[in-house]
C-alpha atoms as a PDB file:
ATOM      1  CA  UNK A   1      99.948  94.369  82.187  1.00  0.00           C
ATOM      2  CA  UNK A   2     102.753  92.374  81.508  1.00  0.00           C
ATOM      3  CA  UNK A   3     105.340  95.557  81.956  1.00  0.00           C
ATOM      4  CA  UNK A   4     103.448  96.974  84.910  1.00  0.00           C
ATOM      5  CA  UNK A   5     103.171  92.910  86.581  1.00  0.00           C
ATOM      6  CA  UNK A   6     107.284  92.394  86.391  1.00  0.00           C
ATOM      7  CA  UNK A   7     107.817  96.934  87.729  1.00  0.00           C
ATOM      8  CA  UNK A   8     105.570  95.877  90.073  1.00  0.00           C
ATOM      9  CA  UNK A   9     107.635  92.679  91.386  1.00  0.00           C
ATOM     10  CA  UNK A  10     110.777  94.846  91.202  1.00  0.00           C
ATOM     11  CA  UNK A  11     109.370  97.577  93.491  1.00  0.00           C
ATOM     12  CA  UNK A  12     106.925  95.482  95.475  1.00  0.00           C
ATOM     13  CA  UNK A  13     105.661  97.470  98.041  1.00  0.00           C
ATOM     14  CA  UNK A  14     103.437 100.292  95.684  1.00  0.00           C
ATOM     15  CA  UNK A  15      99.373  99.514  94.874  1.00  0.00           C
ATOM     16  CA  UNK A  16      98.977 100.159  91.011  1.00  0.00           C
ATOM     17  CA  UNK A  17      95.575  99.141  90.225  1.00  0.00           C
ATOM     18  CA  UNK A  18      94.944  99.080  86.801  1.00  0.00           C
ATOM     19  CA  UNK A  19      92.924  97.331  84.064  1.00  0.00           C
ATOM     20  CA  UNK A  20      93.885  95.989  81.053  1.00  0.00           C
ATOM     21  CA  UNK A  21      93.260  99.459  79.005  1.00  0.00           C
ATOM     22  CA  UNK A  22      95.443 101.689  80.861  1.00  0.00           C
ATOM     23  CA  UNK A  23      98.204  99.512  81.724  1.00  0.00           C
ATOM     24  CA  UNK A  24     100.492 101.203  80.502  1.00  0.00           C
ATOM     25  CA  UNK A  25      99.813 105.698  81.745  1.00  0.00           C
ATOM     26  CA  UNK A  26      99.311 103.640  84.580  1.00  0.00           C
ATOM     27  CA  UNK A  27     102.897 102.459  84.346  1.00  0.00           C
ATOM     28  CA  UNK A  28     104.676 105.545  83.317  1.00  0.00           C
ATOM     29  CA  UNK A  29     102.845 107.416  85.432  1.00  0.00           C
ATOM     30  CA  UNK A  30     104.564 105.860  88.085  1.00  0.00           C
ATOM     31  CA  UNK A  31     107.550 105.576  86.763  1.00  0.00           C
ATOM     32  CA  UNK A  32     107.360 109.460  86.314  1.00  0.00           C
ATOM     33  CA  UNK A  33     106.116 109.188  90.498  1.00  0.00           C
ATOM     34  CA  UNK A  34     109.545 107.723  90.701  1.00  0.00           C
ATOM     35  CA  UNK A  35     111.461 109.785  88.607  1.00  0.00           C
ATOM     36  CA  UNK A  36     110.124 113.009  90.776  1.00  0.00           C
ATOM     37  CA  UNK A  37     110.898 110.726  94.177  1.00  0.00           C
ATOM     38  CA  UNK A  38     107.232 111.946  94.877  1.00  0.00           C
ATOM     39  CA  UNK A  39     107.303 109.371  97.777  1.00  0.00           C
ATOM     40  CA  UNK A  40     110.162 111.301  99.855  1.00  0.00           C
ATOM     41  CA  UNK A  41     110.327 114.055 101.325  1.00  0.00           C
ATOM     42  CA  UNK A  42     111.396 117.564  99.936  1.00  0.00           C
ATOM     43  CA  UNK A  43     114.375 117.984 101.575  1.00  0.00           C
ATOM     44  CA  UNK A  44     115.223 113.971 101.129  1.00  0.00           C
ATOM     45  CA  UNK A  45     113.790 114.012  97.410  1.00  0.00           C
ATOM     46  CA  UNK A  46     117.165 112.751  94.595  1.00  0.00           C
ATOM     47  CA  UNK A  47     117.683 114.754  91.200  1.00  0.00           C
ATOM     48  CA  UNK A  48     115.613 112.798  88.566  1.00  0.00           C
ATOM     49  CA  UNK A  49     119.011 111.120  87.064  1.00  0.00           C
ATOM     50  CA  UNK A  50     120.188 109.562  90.354  1.00  0.00           C
ATOM     51  CA  UNK A  51     116.576 108.158  90.582  1.00  0.00           C
ATOM     52  CA  UNK A  52     116.930 107.662  87.511  1.00  0.00           C
ATOM     53  CA  UNK A  53     120.455 105.677  88.016  1.00  0.00           C
ATOM     54  CA  UNK A  54     119.603 103.794  91.112  1.00  0.00           C
ATOM     55  CA  UNK A  55     115.852 102.042  89.063  1.00  0.00           C
ATOM     56  CA  UNK A  56     118.811 100.925  86.427  1.00  0.00           C
ATOM     57  CA  UNK A  57     120.602  99.334  88.690  1.00  0.00           C
ATOM     58  CA  UNK A  58     117.521  97.652  90.472  1.00  0.00           C
ATOM     59  CA  UNK A  59     116.522  97.292  86.784  1.00  0.00           C
ATOM     60  CA  UNK A  60     119.784  95.024  86.170  1.00  0.00           C
ATOM     61  CA  UNK A  61     119.460  93.381  89.288  1.00  0.00           C
ATOM     62  CA  UNK A  62     116.542  92.317  89.036  1.00  0.00           C
ATOM     63  CA  UNK A  63     115.356  88.666  88.017  1.00  0.00           C
ATOM     64  CA  UNK A  64     113.227  89.856  85.287  1.00  0.00           C
ATOM     65  CA  UNK A  65     113.956  88.280  81.133  1.00  0.00           C
ATOM     66  CA  UNK A  66     116.253  90.225  78.554  1.00  0.00           C
ATOM     67  CA  UNK A  67     113.128  91.413  77.343  1.00  0.00           C
ATOM     68  CA  UNK A  68     111.593  93.322  80.296  1.00  0.00           C
ATOM     69  CA  UNK A  69     114.573  94.474  81.426  1.00  0.00           C
ATOM     70  CA  UNK A  70     115.073  96.538  78.124  1.00  0.00           C
ATOM     71  CA  UNK A  71     110.962  97.613  78.098  1.00  0.00           C
ATOM     72  CA  UNK A  72     111.177  98.384  80.977  1.00  0.00           C
ATOM     73  CA  UNK A  73     114.313 100.775  80.925  1.00  0.00           C
ATOM     74  CA  UNK A  74     112.878 102.266  78.248  1.00  0.00           C
ATOM     75  CA  UNK A  75     110.656 103.690  79.680  1.00  0.00           C
ATOM     76  CA  UNK A  76     112.060 105.087  82.217  1.00  0.00           C
ATOM     77  CA  UNK A  77     114.629 106.878  79.755  1.00  0.00           C
ATOM     78  CA  UNK A  78     111.150 107.960  77.529  1.00  0.00           C
ATOM     79  CA  UNK A  79     109.459 109.286  80.832  1.00  0.00           C
ATOM     80  CA  UNK A  80     113.091 111.026  82.117  1.00  0.00           C
ATOM     81  CA  UNK A  81     112.904 112.989  78.940  1.00  0.00           C
ATOM     82  CA  UNK A  82     109.442 113.628  78.988  1.00  0.00           C
ATOM     83  CA  UNK A  83     109.847 116.095  82.530  1.00  0.00           C
ATOM     84  CA  UNK A  84     110.205 119.150  82.636  1.00  0.00           C
ATOM     85  CA  UNK A  85     114.044 121.330  83.089  1.00  0.00           C
ATOM     86  CA  UNK A  86     114.245 122.360  86.532  1.00  0.00           C
END
């Protein structure tokens, strides 16, 4: 739940309702949607690698502690690797 709160602090406009039991699933799904740029019109979407780069910059420049930054980056890498090939 702590990492989900850290993610919410970076992307404050996103409502991510979750319980203690499904917080990690909700977080991984939100990261996957972010990488696929699903919240943007299809003609304006960026590639997953561009979205990954933007997310890393946002995480690195945040006020989160180093452990939270590391864990969020790790989840982003994991989700990027799990995306289907295009």
